[in-house]
């Protein structure tokens, strides 16, 4: 298996473990000194143990749907829908790898919104959305 295929498989395993609630497998993708940034809240979590701890205390019921994984070499992007207590949030995860582990991840979160009627003649629905 080549480098990119191995990295993609690791990311797919990460998201599948997130969906199952398997926190050990979910966080095995991170380097011990990895950094996770949430720019919208201004938070930075330094170290795999802190990344895991902040996710472990989440009170909502969460589900993960991966829409697309794109990348090559040491930079990968996952587009996902994370559903918190039934409400979908669109997310983008940007993962930077070193030595086969995530060294830095940045996650962006956005809530869905209705399309403006003024654009209806120009747009078409995204399939399966």
Protein backbone atom coordinates (compact mmCIF):
# COMPACT_ATOMS: atom_id res chain seq x y z
CA UNK A 1 0.00 0.00 0.00
CA UNK A 2 1.45 3.38 -0.99
CA UNK A 3 1.78 6.38 1.35
CA UNK A 4 -1.43 8.16 0.23
CA UNK A 5 -3.54 4.98 0.36
CA UNK A 6 -2.24 4.24 3.87
CA UNK A 7 -2.98 7.81 5.01
CA UNK A 8 -6.50 7.73 3.54
CA UNK A 9 -7.16 4.38 5.26
CA UNK A 10 -6.02 5.88 8.59
CA UNK A 11 -8.34 8.86 8.18
CA UNK A 12 -11.26 6.60 7.26
CA UNK A 13 -10.50 4.50 10.35
CA UNK A 14 -10.42 7.69 12.47
CA UNK A 15 -13.89 8.82 11.32
CA UNK A 16 -15.37 5.31 11.62
CA UNK A 17 -14.03 5.09 15.19
CA UNK A 18 -15.49 8.54 15.91
CA UNK A 19 -18.90 7.29 14.80
CA UNK A 20 -18.61 4.12 16.92
CA UNK A 21 -17.44 6.04 20.00
CA UNK A 22 -14.15 4.11 20.03
CA UNK A 23 -12.06 6.90 21.56
CA UNK A 24 -8.78 4.97 21.62
CA UNK A 25 -8.87 4.17 17.88
CA UNK A 26 -10.26 7.63 17.09
CA UNK A 27 -7.24 9.30 18.70
CA UNK A 28 -4.54 6.84 17.61
CA UNK A 29 -4.11 8.95 14.44
CA UNK A 30 -2.62 11.85 16.46
CA UNK A 31 1.02 12.33 17.35
CA UNK A 32 1.63 12.58 21.09
CA UNK A 33 2.34 16.32 20.73
CA UNK A 34 -0.34 17.04 18.10
CA UNK A 35 -2.19 20.35 18.02
CA UNK A 36 -5.92 20.76 17.37
CA UNK A 37 -7.25 24.23 16.55
CA UNK A 38 -10.87 25.42 16.54
CA UNK A 39 -10.53 28.91 14.96
CA UNK A 40 -14.19 29.85 15.48
CA UNK A 41 -13.93 29.49 19.26
CA UNK A 42 -10.27 30.52 19.46
CA UNK A 43 -9.29 27.26 21.21
CA UNK A 44 -6.09 25.27 20.82
CA UNK A 45 -5.63 21.82 22.34
CA UNK A 46 -2.02 20.72 22.65
CA UNK A 47 -1.26 17.01 22.92
CA UNK A 48 -3.19 13.83 22.09
CA UNK A 49 -4.33 13.40 25.69
CA UNK A 50 -5.95 16.87 25.78
CA UNK A 51 -7.53 16.40 22.37
CA UNK A 52 -9.04 13.13 23.55
CA UNK A 53 -10.13 14.57 26.91
CA UNK A 54 -12.02 17.53 25.39
CA UNK A 55 -13.91 15.22 23.01
CA UNK A 56 -14.63 12.65 25.71
CA UNK A 57 -16.59 15.13 27.79
CA UNK A 58 -18.98 16.16 25.02
CA UNK A 59 -22.56 15.96 26.36
CA UNK A 60 -24.34 15.65 22.98
CA UNK A 61 -25.16 12.49 21.08
CA UNK A 62 -22.85 12.71 18.06
CA UNK A 63 -22.84 11.04 14.66
CA UNK A 64 -20.31 11.44 11.86
CA UNK A 65 -20.99 11.29 8.12
CA UNK A 66 -17.98 11.66 5.86
CA UNK A 67 -18.83 13.42 2.60
CA UNK A 68 -15.36 13.50 1.08
CA UNK A 69 -11.71 12.96 1.92
CA UNK A 70 -9.15 14.68 -0.31
CA UNK A 71 -5.42 15.01 -0.05
CA UNK A 72 -1.95 13.84 -0.87
CA UNK A 73 1.39 13.55 0.83
CA UNK A 74 1.08 15.15 4.28
CA UNK A 75 -1.98 17.42 3.83
CA UNK A 76 -5.53 15.99 3.92
CA UNK A 77 -9.02 17.51 4.12
CA UNK A 78 -12.17 15.78 5.32
CA UNK A 79 -15.61 17.24 4.69
CA UNK A 80 -18.11 15.84 7.15
CA UNK A 81 -21.47 16.34 8.74
CA UNK A 82 -21.38 15.98 12.51
CA UNK A 83 -24.85 15.63 13.95
CA UNK A 84 -25.15 16.86 17.53
CA UNK A 85 -28.39 15.71 19.21
CA UNK A 86 -30.02 15.45 15.78
CA UNK A 87 -28.87 18.86 14.47
CA UNK A 88 -26.38 18.72 11.56
CA UNK A 89 -23.22 20.81 11.52
CA UNK A 90 -21.06 20.90 8.41
CA UNK A 91 -17.37 20.56 9.19
CA UNK A 92 -14.04 20.74 7.46
CA UNK A 93 -11.05 19.05 9.03
CA UNK A 94 -7.60 19.94 7.73
CA UNK A 95 -4.98 17.41 8.88
CA UNK A 96 -1.24 17.83 8.54
CA UNK A 97 0.80 14.65 8.91
CA UNK A 98 4.36 13.90 9.96
CA UNK A 99 5.74 10.39 10.44
CA UNK A 100 2.29 8.94 9.54
CA UNK A 101 0.51 10.73 12.40
CA UNK A 102 -1.48 13.98 12.57
CA UNK A 103 0.73 16.75 13.91
CA UNK A 104 -1.75 19.59 13.39
CA UNK A 105 -5.49 19.61 12.72
CA UNK A 106 -7.73 22.60 12.18
CA UNK A 107 -11.50 22.10 12.27
CA UNK A 108 -14.10 24.56 11.00
CA UNK A 109 -17.81 24.23 11.87
CA UNK A 110 -20.83 25.72 10.07
CA UNK A 111 -24.55 25.34 10.63
CA UNK A 112 -26.84 24.85 7.61
CA UNK A 113 -28.88 27.81 6.38
CA UNK A 114 -31.72 28.24 3.89
CA UNK A 115 -30.84 29.27 0.35
CA UNK A 116 -32.01 32.76 -0.60
CA UNK A 117 -34.95 32.75 -3.01
CA UNK A 118 -33.16 35.28 -5.23
CA UNK A 119 -30.62 32.60 -6.25
CA UNK A 120 -33.16 29.84 -6.99
CA UNK A 121 -33.02 30.35 -10.78
CA UNK A 122 -29.22 29.98 -10.71
CA UNK A 123 -28.75 27.03 -8.37
CA UNK A 124 -29.60 23.36 -8.24
CA UNK A 125 -29.72 21.14 -5.18
CA UNK A 126 -26.56 19.30 -4.18
CA UNK A 127 -27.28 15.58 -4.64
CA UNK A 128 -28.02 13.72 -1.38
CA UNK A 129 -28.18 16.87 0.73
